Amino acid sequence: MANETDFAYAAGLIDGEGTIGIYKNKAKSCRCGYRFYLRVRLGMTNITAPYWLYTIFGGYFREYPNRGWGEKVLYEWGLSPEQAYAFLVSILPYLKTKKQQAQVAIEFQKDKYKGIRGRGRKTPQTILDAEEILASKIQGLNDKKGVHSIGE
């Protein structure tokens, strides 16, 4: 079970090396042909932090052999959209540089699974449009690279 120190340390890792994103994916199972999903992940060439996140917060842990990044292996930790929501809510008070991205991601995910969609159901266009707006918003925040307000 994670404690406050774990949440603070995880927030620091995500602020420094992590990714919070909303992505559009082709989906044959969706009548509209695509879907949006939340993704939180961290990739490093040192195994310690990604594996620690996996042991404390669950999700997945993968090892990618040398893929053109020199001689080092890449270790990746990540969460399913449902896990990412709970994780971001827990670390939100400790985030500094990616706080706005986390807030957008939480807004995106909070109502995602409340009976308005499911296998065989068509996602209303108004919801897809709203998800696209949030995906664009988080992309814009991620593109700012180093432009952050001090003290937020």
N, C-alpha and C. Protein backbone atom coordinates (compact mmCIF):
# COMPACT_ATOMS: atom_id res chain seq x y z
N MET A 1 0.85 -1.18 0.00
CA MET A 1 0.00 0.00 0.00
C MET A 1 0.89 1.25 0.00
N ALA A 2 0.59 2.16 -0.90
CA ALA A 2 1.39 3.36 -1.02
C ALA A 2 1.07 4.34 0.11
N ASN A 3 2.11 5.07 0.54
CA ASN A 3 1.94 6.10 1.57
C ASN A 3 2.23 7.47 0.96
N GLU A 4 2.15 8.52 1.76
CA GLU A 4 2.34 9.88 1.27
C GLU A 4 3.73 10.09 0.65
N THR A 5 4.74 9.48 1.24
CA THR A 5 6.08 9.60 0.70
C THR A 5 6.16 8.95 -0.68
N ASP A 6 5.51 7.80 -0.83
CA ASP A 6 5.47 7.13 -2.13
C ASP A 6 4.79 8.01 -3.19
N PHE A 7 3.66 8.64 -2.82
CA PHE A 7 2.95 9.51 -3.76
C PHE A 7 3.83 10.70 -4.17
N ALA A 8 4.52 11.28 -3.20
CA ALA A 8 5.39 12.42 -3.49
C ALA A 8 6.56 12.02 -4.40
N TYR A 9 7.17 10.88 -4.11
CA TYR A 9 8.30 10.41 -4.93
C TYR A 9 7.81 10.08 -6.34
N ALA A 10 6.66 9.41 -6.44
CA ALA A 10 6.10 9.07 -7.75
C ALA A 10 5.81 10.34 -8.55
N ALA A 11 5.28 11.36 -7.89
CA ALA A 11 5.02 12.63 -8.57
C ALA A 11 6.31 13.23 -9.12
N GLY A 12 7.37 13.18 -8.34
CA GLY A 12 8.66 13.68 -8.81
C GLY A 12 9.16 12.92 -10.02
N LEU A 13 8.98 11.61 -10.02
CA LEU A 13 9.39 10.80 -11.18
C LEU A 13 8.58 11.16 -12.42
N ILE A 14 7.28 11.30 -12.24
CA ILE A 14 6.43 11.65 -13.38
C ILE A 14 6.74 13.06 -13.87
N ASP A 15 6.91 14.00 -12.95
CA ASP A 15 7.29 15.37 -13.34
C ASP A 15 8.57 15.37 -14.16
N GLY A 16 9.55 14.59 -13.74
CA GLY A 16 10.86 14.63 -14.38
C GLY A 16 11.02 13.76 -15.60
N GLU A 17 10.48 12.55 -15.56
CA GLU A 17 10.75 11.58 -16.62
C GLU A 17 9.50 10.95 -17.22
N GLY A 18 8.34 11.24 -16.66
CA GLY A 18 7.12 10.55 -17.08
C GLY A 18 6.37 11.23 -18.20
N THR A 19 5.33 10.55 -18.64
CA THR A 19 4.46 11.04 -19.69
C THR A 19 3.01 10.87 -19.26
N ILE A 20 2.24 11.92 -19.43
CA ILE A 20 0.79 11.88 -19.22
C ILE A 20 0.19 12.30 -20.55
N GLY A 21 -0.59 11.43 -21.17
CA GLY A 21 -1.13 11.78 -22.48
C GLY A 21 -2.50 11.17 -22.73
N ILE A 22 -3.21 11.78 -23.66
CA ILE A 22 -4.46 11.26 -24.17
C ILE A 22 -4.23 11.00 -25.65
N TYR A 23 -4.45 9.78 -26.07
CA TYR A 23 -4.09 9.35 -27.42
C TYR A 23 -5.31 8.87 -28.18
N LYS A 24 -5.27 9.05 -29.49
CA LYS A 24 -6.33 8.59 -30.38
C LYS A 24 -5.84 7.31 -31.05
N ASN A 25 -6.70 6.31 -31.06
CA ASN A 25 -6.31 5.00 -31.56
C ASN A 25 -7.41 4.47 -32.48
N LYS A 26 -7.01 3.89 -33.61
CA LYS A 26 -7.99 3.22 -34.45
C LYS A 26 -8.54 2.03 -33.67
N ALA A 27 -9.83 1.84 -33.74
CA ALA A 27 -10.46 0.75 -33.00
C ALA A 27 -11.58 0.15 -33.83
N LYS A 28 -11.35 -1.07 -34.30
CA LYS A 28 -12.36 -1.75 -35.11
C LYS A 28 -13.63 -2.01 -34.31
N SER A 29 -13.48 -2.16 -32.99
CA SER A 29 -14.64 -2.46 -32.15
C SER A 29 -15.55 -1.25 -31.95
N CYS A 30 -15.06 -0.06 -32.25
CA CYS A 30 -15.87 1.15 -32.12
C CYS A 30 -16.54 1.46 -33.45
N ARG A 31 -17.80 1.78 -33.41
CA ARG A 31 -18.53 2.09 -34.64
C ARG A 31 -18.00 3.32 -35.35
N CYS A 32 -17.43 4.24 -34.59
CA CYS A 32 -16.89 5.46 -35.21
C CYS A 32 -15.50 5.22 -35.79
N GLY A 33 -14.86 4.09 -35.43
CA GLY A 33 -13.56 3.74 -36.00
C GLY A 33 -12.36 4.17 -35.18
N TYR A 34 -12.58 4.90 -34.09
CA TYR A 34 -11.47 5.31 -33.25
C TYR A 34 -11.95 5.51 -31.82
N ARG A 35 -10.97 5.61 -30.92
CA ARG A 35 -11.27 5.89 -29.53
C ARG A 35 -10.11 6.69 -28.94
N PHE A 36 -10.36 7.34 -27.83
CA PHE A 36 -9.33 8.07 -27.10
C PHE A 36 -9.06 7.32 -25.81
N TYR A 37 -7.81 7.33 -25.38
CA TYR A 37 -7.48 6.66 -24.13
C TYR A 37 -6.38 7.42 -23.40
N LEU A 38 -6.40 7.32 -22.09
CA LEU A 38 -5.41 7.95 -21.22
C LEU A 38 -4.24 7.00 -21.03
N ARG A 39 -3.05 7.58 -21.00
CA ARG A 39 -1.86 6.77 -20.76
C ARG A 39 -0.90 7.54 -19.86
N VAL A 40 -0.42 6.86 -18.83
CA VAL A 40 0.62 7.38 -17.95
C VAL A 40 1.74 6.35 -17.99
N ARG A 41 2.95 6.83 -18.25
CA ARG A 41 4.08 5.89 -18.31
C ARG A 41 5.38 6.61 -17.99
N LEU A 42 6.38 5.78 -17.71
CA LEU A 42 7.71 6.28 -17.41
C LEU A 42 8.71 5.30 -18.02
N GLY A 43 9.65 5.81 -18.79
CA GLY A 43 10.69 4.99 -19.38
C GLY A 43 12.06 5.51 -19.00
N MET A 44 12.92 4.59 -18.57
CA MET A 44 14.28 4.97 -18.16
C MET A 44 15.25 3.84 -18.53
N THR A 45 16.52 4.18 -18.60
CA THR A 45 17.53 3.16 -18.86
C THR A 45 18.05 2.53 -17.58
N ASN A 46 17.63 3.05 -16.44
CA ASN A 46 17.94 2.45 -15.15
C ASN A 46 16.67 1.76 -14.66
N ILE A 47 16.76 0.53 -14.24
CA ILE A 47 15.59 -0.27 -13.88
C ILE A 47 14.92 0.15 -12.57
N THR A 48 15.65 0.81 -11.69
CA THR A 48 15.19 1.03 -10.31
C THR A 48 13.84 1.74 -10.21
N ALA A 49 13.71 2.93 -10.78
CA ALA A 49 12.48 3.71 -10.63
C ALA A 49 11.28 3.06 -11.34
N PRO A 50 11.41 2.64 -12.61
CA PRO A 50 10.25 2.01 -13.24
C PRO A 50 9.79 0.75 -12.51
N TYR A 51 10.74 -0.04 -12.04
CA TYR A 51 10.35 -1.27 -11.33
C TYR A 51 9.74 -0.94 -9.98
N TRP A 52 10.23 0.09 -9.31
CA TRP A 52 9.65 0.51 -8.03
C TRP A 52 8.20 0.93 -8.24
N LEU A 53 7.93 1.74 -9.27
CA LEU A 53 6.56 2.15 -9.56
C LEU A 53 5.66 0.94 -9.80
N TYR A 54 6.18 -0.04 -10.51
CA TYR A 54 5.42 -1.26 -10.78
C TYR A 54 5.09 -2.01 -9.48
N THR A 55 6.04 -2.13 -8.59
CA THR A 55 5.80 -2.87 -7.35
C THR A 55 4.84 -2.13 -6.41
N ILE A 56 4.85 -0.80 -6.44
CA ILE A 56 3.99 -0.02 -5.54
C ILE A 56 2.61 0.24 -6.14
N PHE A 57 2.55 0.58 -7.43
CA PHE A 57 1.30 1.02 -8.04
C PHE A 57 0.70 0.05 -9.05
N GLY A 58 1.39 -1.06 -9.34
CA GLY A 58 0.87 -2.02 -10.30
C GLY A 58 1.06 -1.55 -11.72
N GLY A 59 0.19 -2.01 -12.60
CA GLY A 59 0.31 -1.66 -14.00
C GLY A 59 1.14 -2.68 -14.75
N TYR A 60 1.96 -2.21 -15.66
CA TYR A 60 2.82 -3.12 -16.41
C TYR A 60 4.26 -2.66 -16.32
N PHE A 61 5.16 -3.59 -16.53
CA PHE A 61 6.60 -3.32 -16.55
C PHE A 61 7.15 -4.06 -17.76
N ARG A 62 7.86 -3.35 -18.62
CA ARG A 62 8.43 -3.96 -19.83
C ARG A 62 9.90 -3.60 -19.95
N GLU A 63 10.61 -4.48 -20.58
CA GLU A 63 12.03 -4.27 -20.87
C GLU A 63 12.20 -4.32 -22.38
N TYR A 64 12.75 -3.24 -22.94
CA TYR A 64 13.00 -3.18 -24.37
C TYR A 64 14.50 -3.26 -24.61
N PRO A 65 14.93 -4.23 -25.40
CA PRO A 65 16.37 -4.32 -25.69
C PRO A 65 16.83 -3.11 -26.50
N ASN A 66 18.11 -3.00 -26.67
CA ASN A 66 18.71 -1.91 -27.43
C ASN A 66 17.93 -1.71 -28.74
N ARG A 67 17.38 -0.52 -28.91
CA ARG A 67 16.61 -0.21 -30.12
C ARG A 67 17.17 1.07 -30.76
N GLY A 68 18.47 1.20 -30.76
CA GLY A 68 19.07 2.37 -31.37
C GLY A 68 19.44 3.46 -30.39
N TRP A 69 19.29 3.22 -29.10
CA TRP A 69 19.64 4.22 -28.08
C TRP A 69 21.00 3.93 -27.48
N GLY A 70 21.90 3.37 -28.24
CA GLY A 70 23.20 2.99 -27.69
C GLY A 70 23.14 1.57 -27.17
N GLU A 71 23.88 1.32 -26.14
CA GLU A 71 23.98 -0.04 -25.60
C GLU A 71 23.00 -0.31 -24.47
N LYS A 72 22.18 0.65 -24.11
CA LYS A 72 21.33 0.51 -22.93
C LYS A 72 19.96 -0.06 -23.25
N VAL A 73 19.43 -0.78 -22.29
CA VAL A 73 18.08 -1.32 -22.35
C VAL A 73 17.13 -0.24 -21.81
N LEU A 74 15.92 -0.16 -22.35
CA LEU A 74 14.91 0.77 -21.86
C LEU A 74 13.92 0.00 -21.01
N TYR A 75 13.65 0.50 -19.80
CA TYR A 75 12.68 -0.10 -18.90
C TYR A 75 11.48 0.83 -18.85
N GLU A 76 10.29 0.27 -19.07
CA GLU A 76 9.08 1.10 -19.11
C GLU A 76 8.06 0.58 -18.11
N TRP A 77 7.46 1.52 -17.40
CA TRP A 77 6.34 1.25 -16.51
C TRP A 77 5.16 2.05 -17.00
N GLY A 78 3.97 1.48 -16.89
CA GLY A 78 2.78 2.20 -17.30
C GLY A 78 1.53 1.64 -16.65
N LEU A 79 0.44 2.37 -16.83
CA LEU A 79 -0.83 2.03 -16.21
C LEU A 79 -1.95 1.98 -17.23
N SER A 80 -2.95 1.15 -16.95
CA SER A 80 -4.17 1.16 -17.75
C SER A 80 -4.89 2.48 -17.50
N PRO A 81 -5.83 2.86 -18.35
CA PRO A 81 -6.54 4.12 -18.12
C PRO A 81 -7.21 4.20 -16.75
N GLU A 82 -7.82 3.11 -16.30
CA GLU A 82 -8.48 3.12 -14.99
C GLU A 82 -7.47 3.29 -13.87
N GLN A 83 -6.36 2.58 -13.95
CA GLN A 83 -5.29 2.71 -12.95
C GLN A 83 -4.68 4.11 -12.98
N ALA A 84 -4.51 4.64 -14.19
CA ALA A 84 -3.91 5.97 -14.35
C ALA A 84 -4.74 7.03 -13.66
N TYR A 85 -6.06 6.92 -13.75
CA TYR A 85 -6.94 7.88 -13.10
C TYR A 85 -6.69 7.91 -11.59
N ALA A 86 -6.74 6.75 -10.95
CA ALA A 86 -6.54 6.67 -9.49
C ALA A 86 -5.15 7.15 -9.11
N PHE A 87 -4.15 6.78 -9.90
CA PHE A 87 -2.77 7.19 -9.64
C PHE A 87 -2.63 8.71 -9.71
N LEU A 88 -3.18 9.32 -10.75
CA LEU A 88 -3.06 10.77 -10.92
C LEU A 88 -3.78 11.53 -9.82
N VAL A 89 -4.93 11.04 -9.41
CA VAL A 89 -5.65 11.67 -8.29
C VAL A 89 -4.78 11.64 -7.04
N SER A 90 -4.08 10.52 -6.82
CA SER A 90 -3.24 10.36 -5.62
C SER A 90 -2.00 11.24 -5.63
N ILE A 91 -1.40 11.44 -6.80
CA ILE A 91 -0.15 12.22 -6.85
C ILE A 91 -0.37 13.69 -7.19
N LEU A 92 -1.59 14.07 -7.56
CA LEU A 92 -1.87 15.45 -7.99
C LEU A 92 -1.36 16.51 -7.02
N PRO A 93 -1.54 16.37 -5.70
CA PRO A 93 -1.07 17.43 -4.80
C PRO A 93 0.45 17.64 -4.83
N TYR A 94 1.19 16.65 -5.30
CA TYR A 94 2.66 16.72 -5.28
C TYR A 94 3.26 17.10 -6.63
N LEU A 95 2.47 17.08 -7.69
CA LEU A 95 2.99 17.41 -9.01
C LEU A 95 3.31 18.90 -9.11
N LYS A 96 4.33 19.22 -9.85
CA LYS A 96 4.72 20.62 -10.11
C LYS A 96 4.65 20.91 -11.61
N THR A 97 5.48 20.25 -12.41
CA THR A 97 5.57 20.59 -13.83
C THR A 97 4.47 19.96 -14.68
N LYS A 98 3.87 18.88 -14.21
CA LYS A 98 2.83 18.21 -15.01
C LYS A 98 1.47 18.23 -14.32
N LYS A 99 1.28 19.19 -13.44
CA LYS A 99 0.01 19.30 -12.71
C LYS A 99 -1.15 19.57 -13.67
N GLN A 100 -0.97 20.48 -14.61
CA GLN A 100 -2.06 20.80 -15.54
C GLN A 100 -2.41 19.60 -16.43
N GLN A 101 -1.39 18.87 -16.88
CA GLN A 101 -1.65 17.68 -17.68
C GLN A 101 -2.46 16.66 -16.87
N ALA A 102 -2.08 16.49 -15.60
CA ALA A 102 -2.80 15.55 -14.74
C ALA A 102 -4.24 15.99 -14.55
N GLN A 103 -4.48 17.28 -14.37
CA GLN A 103 -5.84 17.78 -14.19
C GLN A 103 -6.70 17.51 -15.43
N VAL A 104 -6.13 17.73 -16.61
CA VAL A 104 -6.86 17.45 -17.85
C VAL A 104 -7.12 15.95 -17.98
N ALA A 105 -6.13 15.14 -17.66
CA ALA A 105 -6.28 13.68 -17.74
C ALA A 105 -7.35 13.18 -16.79
N ILE A 106 -7.38 13.72 -15.58
CA ILE A 106 -8.41 13.34 -14.61
C ILE A 106 -9.79 13.72 -15.12
N GLU A 107 -9.91 14.92 -15.66
CA GLU A 107 -11.19 15.37 -16.23
C GLU A 107 -11.63 14.45 -17.35
N PHE A 108 -10.68 14.07 -18.20
CA PHE A 108 -10.96 13.17 -19.32
C PHE A 108 -11.47 11.81 -18.84
N GLN A 109 -10.82 11.26 -17.85
CA GLN A 109 -11.08 9.88 -17.44
C GLN A 109 -12.24 9.71 -16.47
N LYS A 110 -12.59 10.74 -15.71
CA LYS A 110 -13.51 10.56 -14.59
C LYS A 110 -14.89 10.02 -14.98
N ASP A 111 -15.40 10.39 -16.12
CA ASP A 111 -16.72 9.92 -16.53
C ASP A 111 -16.67 8.88 -17.65
N LYS A 112 -15.49 8.38 -17.93
CA LYS A 112 -15.30 7.52 -19.09
C LYS A 112 -16.10 6.22 -19.04
N TYR A 113 -16.27 5.67 -17.87
CA TYR A 113 -16.89 4.35 -17.78
C TYR A 113 -18.16 4.37 -16.94
N LYS A 114 -19.05 5.30 -17.21
CA LYS A 114 -20.28 5.41 -16.42
C LYS A 114 -21.51 5.04 -17.23
N GLY A 115 -21.42 3.97 -18.01
CA GLY A 115 -22.59 3.44 -18.68
C GLY A 115 -22.98 4.08 -19.99
N ILE A 116 -22.26 5.08 -20.45
CA ILE A 116 -22.64 5.73 -21.70
C ILE A 116 -22.04 5.04 -22.91
N ARG A 117 -21.19 4.09 -22.66
CA ARG A 117 -20.58 3.36 -23.76
C ARG A 117 -20.34 1.93 -23.34
N GLY A 118 -20.03 1.11 -24.28
CA GLY A 118 -19.75 -0.29 -24.00
C GLY A 118 -19.74 -1.05 -25.30
N ARG A 119 -19.51 -2.33 -25.21
CA ARG A 119 -19.46 -3.15 -26.42
C ARG A 119 -20.77 -3.02 -27.18
N GLY A 120 -20.65 -2.71 -28.46
CA GLY A 120 -21.82 -2.60 -29.30
C GLY A 120 -22.54 -1.26 -29.23
N ARG A 121 -22.16 -0.41 -28.28
CA ARG A 121 -22.79 0.91 -28.19
C ARG A 121 -21.97 1.92 -28.95
N LYS A 122 -22.64 2.81 -29.60
CA LYS A 122 -21.94 3.88 -30.31
C LYS A 122 -21.70 5.03 -29.35
N THR A 123 -20.46 5.48 -29.30
CA THR A 123 -20.13 6.63 -28.47
C THR A 123 -20.72 7.88 -29.12
N PRO A 124 -21.50 8.64 -28.39
CA PRO A 124 -22.09 9.85 -28.98
C PRO A 124 -21.01 10.81 -29.51
N GLN A 125 -21.29 11.43 -30.62
CA GLN A 125 -20.32 12.34 -31.25
C GLN A 125 -19.96 13.48 -30.32
N THR A 126 -20.89 13.94 -29.52
CA THR A 126 -20.59 15.04 -28.60
C THR A 126 -19.50 14.63 -27.60
N ILE A 127 -19.51 13.38 -27.19
CA ILE A 127 -18.48 12.89 -26.27
C ILE A 127 -17.15 12.77 -26.99
N LEU A 128 -17.16 12.23 -28.20
CA LEU A 128 -15.92 12.15 -28.98
C LEU A 128 -15.33 13.53 -29.22
N ASP A 129 -16.18 14.50 -29.52
CA ASP A 129 -15.71 15.87 -29.73
C ASP A 129 -15.08 16.44 -28.46
N ALA A 130 -15.72 16.20 -27.32
CA ALA A 130 -15.19 16.68 -26.04
C ALA A 130 -13.86 16.00 -25.73
N GLU A 131 -13.76 14.70 -26.00
CA GLU A 131 -12.50 13.98 -25.77
C GLU A 131 -11.39 14.50 -26.67
N GLU A 132 -11.74 14.82 -27.90
CA GLU A 132 -10.74 15.37 -28.83
C GLU A 132 -10.22 16.72 -28.34
N ILE A 133 -11.10 17.53 -27.79
CA ILE A 133 -10.68 18.83 -27.24
C ILE A 133 -9.71 18.63 -26.08
N LEU A 134 -10.02 17.69 -25.18
CA LEU A 134 -9.12 17.42 -24.05
C LEU A 134 -7.79 16.83 -24.52
N ALA A 135 -7.84 15.96 -25.53
CA ALA A 135 -6.60 15.40 -26.09
C ALA A 135 -5.74 16.51 -26.67
N SER A 136 -6.35 17.45 -27.37
CA SER A 136 -5.59 18.59 -27.93
C SER A 136 -5.04 19.48 -26.83
N LYS A 137 -5.82 19.67 -25.79
CA LYS A 137 -5.37 20.51 -24.67
C LYS A 137 -4.14 19.91 -23.99
N ILE A 138 -4.18 18.61 -23.72
CA ILE A 138 -3.03 17.98 -23.06
C ILE A 138 -1.83 17.95 -24.00
N GLN A 139 -2.06 17.79 -25.29
CA GLN A 139 -0.96 17.82 -26.26
C GLN A 139 -0.29 19.20 -26.24
N GLY A 140 -1.09 20.25 -26.19
CA GLY A 140 -0.55 21.60 -26.12
C GLY A 140 0.27 21.83 -24.87
N LEU A 141 -0.21 21.31 -23.75
CA LEU A 141 0.55 21.43 -22.50
C LEU A 141 1.86 20.65 -22.58
N ASN A 142 1.82 19.48 -23.18
CA ASN A 142 3.04 18.67 -23.30
C ASN A 142 4.04 19.30 -24.26
N ASP A 143 3.56 20.07 -25.23
CA ASP A 143 4.44 20.72 -26.20
C ASP A 143 5.15 21.96 -25.66
N LYS A 144 4.75 22.44 -24.48
CA LYS A 144 5.33 23.65 -23.92
C LYS A 144 6.78 23.46 -23.50
N LYS A 145 7.23 22.28 -23.24
CA LYS A 145 8.62 21.94 -22.90
C LYS A 145 9.33 22.99 -22.06
N GLY A 146 9.18 22.87 -20.78
CA GLY A 146 9.95 23.70 -19.88
C GLY A 146 9.35 25.05 -19.55
N VAL A 147 8.19 25.36 -20.11
CA VAL A 147 7.54 26.63 -19.80
C VAL A 147 6.51 26.37 -18.71
N HIS A 148 6.86 26.66 -17.48
CA HIS A 148 5.97 26.39 -16.35
C HIS A 148 5.98 27.57 -15.40
N SER A 149 4.89 27.76 -14.70
CA SER A 149 4.82 28.80 -13.71
C SER A 149 5.45 28.32 -12.41
N ILE A 150 6.28 29.13 -11.81
CA ILE A 150 6.89 28.79 -10.53
C ILE A 150 5.82 28.83 -9.46
N GLY A 151 5.82 27.82 -8.60
CA GLY A 151 4.92 27.80 -7.46
C GLY A 151 3.59 27.13 -7.73
N GLU A 152 3.32 26.69 -8.94
CA GLU A 152 2.06 26.01 -9.20
C GLU A 152 2.15 24.57 -8.81
